[in-house]
Structures are given as structure tokens and as C-alpha cells.
Amino acid sequence: MSRAGLLMAFGVLVVLTPVSGLPLGMRATLEFILGIAVFLVGLSLRMRDMRRAREALTSAPAFAPEPPVNAIHAEVFDVSASSDKANPPQTGAF
């Protein structure tokens, strides 16, 4: 049975213990034992998650910096003087 299934089963037992009809001393002992069991299963789940997270961090490749972007050539943005005369800036009413 999985750990999550165990937690659900222990949770149901904890819920049903008060209405089980057992004597008070036995009921208190049973609730104590079930509480410890729930705690231990939860602790094992937590430790497993922490171990997986640590393994993911150590096994993941380090991020390499991106290569520098090449400078944009000046020819792309060079506006020749002849094109300025052919297309003067337009001014409008707005």
C-alpha cells in the first residue's frame, strides 16, 4: 500500500476510534498509536520529497549563460541622405 493510502487508512481509523465502543483506556492507547503512525508516514513522505528535491538540484545541469548577442550592423539602420530627400518627413494637421 502506498504512503498516501496508509495516511487515508489511518485517518479513517482515527475518525472511527471515538465511536468504536472500546473502553476509554484502550481507545486512548489506540488513538496514540494511530497518531504516531500518521506522524511517521507523513515524516517519511516529507523526507522523500526533500530527498527528491535535493537530487533534482544536484543532477540538474548548471545554466550556462547565453552567448552574447552580436552587435547589429550599422548598415541596417544607416539611412542614406538620398532617401531623406526623396521622402521628406510628412507633417499633417494632426
C-alpha atoms as a PDB file:
ATOM      1  CA  MET A   1       0.000   0.000   0.000  1.00  0.00           C
ATOM      2  CA  SER A   2       1.289   3.454  -0.818  1.00  0.00           C
ATOM      3  CA  ARG A   3       2.100   6.008   1.840  1.00  0.00           C
ATOM      4  CA  ALA A   4      -0.837   8.154   0.786  1.00  0.00           C
ATOM      5  CA  GLY A   5      -3.124   5.111   1.113  1.00  0.00           C
ATOM      6  CA  LEU A   6      -1.731   4.428   4.578  1.00  0.00           C
ATOM      7  CA  LEU A   7      -2.417   8.009   5.616  1.00  0.00           C
ATOM      8  CA  MET A   8      -6.008   7.724   4.429  1.00  0.00           C
ATOM      9  CA  ALA A   9      -6.499   4.389   6.208  1.00  0.00           C
ATOM     10  CA  PHE A  10      -5.029   5.691   9.458  1.00  0.00           C
ATOM     11  CA  GLY A  11      -7.156   8.824   9.129  1.00  0.00           C
ATOM     12  CA  VAL A  12     -10.321   6.733   8.825  1.00  0.00           C
ATOM     13  CA  LEU A  13      -9.281   4.684  11.854  1.00  0.00           C
ATOM     14  CA  VAL A  14      -8.651   7.836  13.879  1.00  0.00           C
ATOM     15  CA  VAL A  15     -12.092   9.156  12.907  1.00  0.00           C
ATOM     16  CA  LEU A  16     -13.806   5.862  13.803  1.00  0.00           C
ATOM     17  CA  THR A  17     -11.972   5.301  17.098  1.00  0.00           C
ATOM     18  CA  PRO A  18     -14.259   7.520  19.246  1.00  0.00           C
ATOM     19  CA  VAL A  19     -17.372   5.638  18.090  1.00  0.00           C
ATOM     20  CA  SER A  20     -15.784   2.172  18.238  1.00  0.00           C
ATOM     21  CA  GLY A  21     -17.244   1.263  21.638  1.00  0.00           C
ATOM     22  CA  LEU A  22     -13.840   0.398  23.110  1.00  0.00           C
ATOM     23  CA  PRO A  23     -13.116   1.158  26.759  1.00  0.00           C
ATOM     24  CA  LEU A  24     -11.594   4.613  27.349  1.00  0.00           C
ATOM     25  CA  GLY A  25      -8.120   3.311  28.230  1.00  0.00           C
ATOM     26  CA  MET A  26      -7.907   1.129  25.152  1.00  0.00           C
ATOM     27  CA  ARG A  27      -9.326   3.892  22.944  1.00  0.00           C
ATOM     28  CA  ALA A  28      -6.726   6.380  24.210  1.00  0.00           C
ATOM     29  CA  THR A  29      -3.932   3.882  23.560  1.00  0.00           C
ATOM     30  CA  LEU A  30      -5.251   3.141  20.073  1.00  0.00           C
ATOM     31  CA  GLU A  31      -5.538   6.842  19.246  1.00  0.00           C
ATOM     32  CA  PHE A  32      -1.980   7.417  20.483  1.00  0.00           C
ATOM     33  CA  ILE A  33      -0.613   4.567  18.348  1.00  0.00           C
ATOM     34  CA  LEU A  34      -2.552   5.713  15.282  1.00  0.00           C
ATOM     35  CA  GLY A  35      -1.325   9.279  15.815  1.00  0.00           C
ATOM     36  CA  ILE A  36       2.275   8.106  15.912  1.00  0.00           C
ATOM     37  CA  ALA A  37       1.701   6.027  12.763  1.00  0.00           C
ATOM     38  CA  VAL A  38       0.214   9.006  10.901  1.00  0.00           C
ATOM     39  CA  PHE A  39       3.137  11.171  12.027  1.00  0.00           C
ATOM     40  CA  LEU A  40       5.734   8.633  10.870  1.00  0.00           C
ATOM     41  CA  VAL A  41       4.111   8.133   7.465  1.00  0.00           C
ATOM     42  CA  GLY A  42       3.868  11.909   6.999  1.00  0.00           C
ATOM     43  CA  LEU A  43       7.502  12.296   8.052  1.00  0.00           C
ATOM     44  CA  SER A  44       8.607   9.645   5.561  1.00  0.00           C
ATOM     45  CA  LEU A  45       6.673  11.433   2.788  1.00  0.00           C
ATOM     46  CA  ARG A  46       8.323  14.711   3.732  1.00  0.00           C
ATOM     47  CA  MET A  47      11.803  13.170   3.778  1.00  0.00           C
ATOM     48  CA  ARG A  48      11.188  11.539   0.385  1.00  0.00           C
ATOM     49  CA  ASP A  49      10.100  14.860  -1.121  1.00  0.00           C
ATOM     50  CA  MET A  50      13.128  16.630   0.323  1.00  0.00           C
ATOM     51  CA  ARG A  51      15.447  13.918  -0.998  1.00  0.00           C
ATOM     52  CA  ARG A  52      13.902  14.149  -4.473  1.00  0.00           C
ATOM     53  CA  ALA A  53      14.228  17.928  -4.481  1.00  0.00           C
ATOM     54  CA  ARG A  54      17.877  17.720  -3.431  1.00  0.00           C
ATOM     55  CA  GLU A  55      18.601  15.121  -6.133  1.00  0.00           C
ATOM     56  CA  ALA A  56      16.882  17.273  -8.739  1.00  0.00           C
ATOM     57  CA  LEU A  57      19.028  20.254  -7.783  1.00  0.00           C
ATOM     58  CA  THR A  58      22.290  18.329  -7.822  1.00  0.00           C
ATOM     59  CA  SER A  59      21.580  16.403 -11.021  1.00  0.00           C
ATOM     60  CA  ALA A  60      20.247  19.374 -12.992  1.00  0.00           C
ATOM     61  CA  PRO A  61      22.815  20.903 -15.299  1.00  0.00           C
ATOM     62  CA  ALA A  62      24.008  24.346 -14.359  1.00  0.00           C
ATOM     63  CA  PHE A  63      22.522  27.046 -16.504  1.00  0.00           C
ATOM     64  CA  ALA A  64      25.079  28.264 -18.991  1.00  0.00           C
ATOM     65  CA  PRO A  65      24.984  31.955 -19.713  1.00  0.00           C
ATOM     66  CA  GLU A  66      23.531  32.857 -23.060  1.00  0.00           C
ATOM     67  CA  PRO A  67      26.014  33.780 -25.739  1.00  0.00           C
ATOM     68  CA  PRO A  68      26.330  37.496 -26.278  1.00  0.00           C
ATOM     69  CA  VAL A  69      24.106  38.966 -28.925  1.00  0.00           C
ATOM     70  CA  ASN A  70      26.043  40.135 -31.943  1.00  0.00           C
ATOM     71  CA  ALA A  71      26.030  43.851 -32.469  1.00  0.00           C
ATOM     72  CA  ILE A  72      23.531  44.914 -35.054  1.00  0.00           C
ATOM     73  CA  HIS A  73      25.323  46.076 -38.133  1.00  0.00           C
ATOM     74  CA  ALA A  74      25.195  49.775 -38.781  1.00  0.00           C
ATOM     75  CA  GLU A  75      24.167  49.169 -42.378  1.00  0.00           C
ATOM     76  CA  VAL A  76      20.758  48.027 -41.254  1.00  0.00           C
ATOM     77  CA  PHE A  77      19.979  51.349 -39.644  1.00  0.00           C
ATOM     78  CA  ASP A  78      22.055  53.593 -41.922  1.00  0.00           C
ATOM     79  CA  VAL A  79      19.687  55.908 -43.704  1.00  0.00           C
ATOM     80  CA  SER A  80      21.238  57.399 -46.741  1.00  0.00           C
ATOM     81  CA  ALA A  81      20.956  61.084 -47.469  1.00  0.00           C
ATOM     82  CA  SER A  82      19.284  60.442 -50.824  1.00  0.00           C
ATOM     83  CA  SER A  83      16.358  58.663 -49.216  1.00  0.00           C
ATOM     84  CA  ASP A  84      15.810  61.618 -46.866  1.00  0.00           C
ATOM     85  CA  LYS A  85      15.467  63.965 -49.851  1.00  0.00           C
ATOM     86  CA  ALA A  86      13.200  61.595 -51.719  1.00  0.00           C
ATOM     87  CA  ASN A  87      10.903  61.048 -48.716  1.00  0.00           C
ATOM     88  CA  PRO A  88      10.817  64.210 -46.626  1.00  0.00           C
ATOM     89  CA  PRO A  89       9.141  63.936 -43.221  1.00  0.00           C
ATOM     90  CA  GLN A  90       5.445  64.467 -43.535  1.00  0.00           C
ATOM     91  CA  THR A  91       3.643  66.980 -41.435  1.00  0.00           C
ATOM     92  CA  GLY A  92      -0.048  66.825 -41.160  1.00  0.00           C
ATOM     93  CA  ALA A  93      -2.896  68.568 -39.478  1.00  0.00           C
ATOM     94  CA  PHE A  94      -2.775  66.115 -36.612  1.00  0.00           C
END
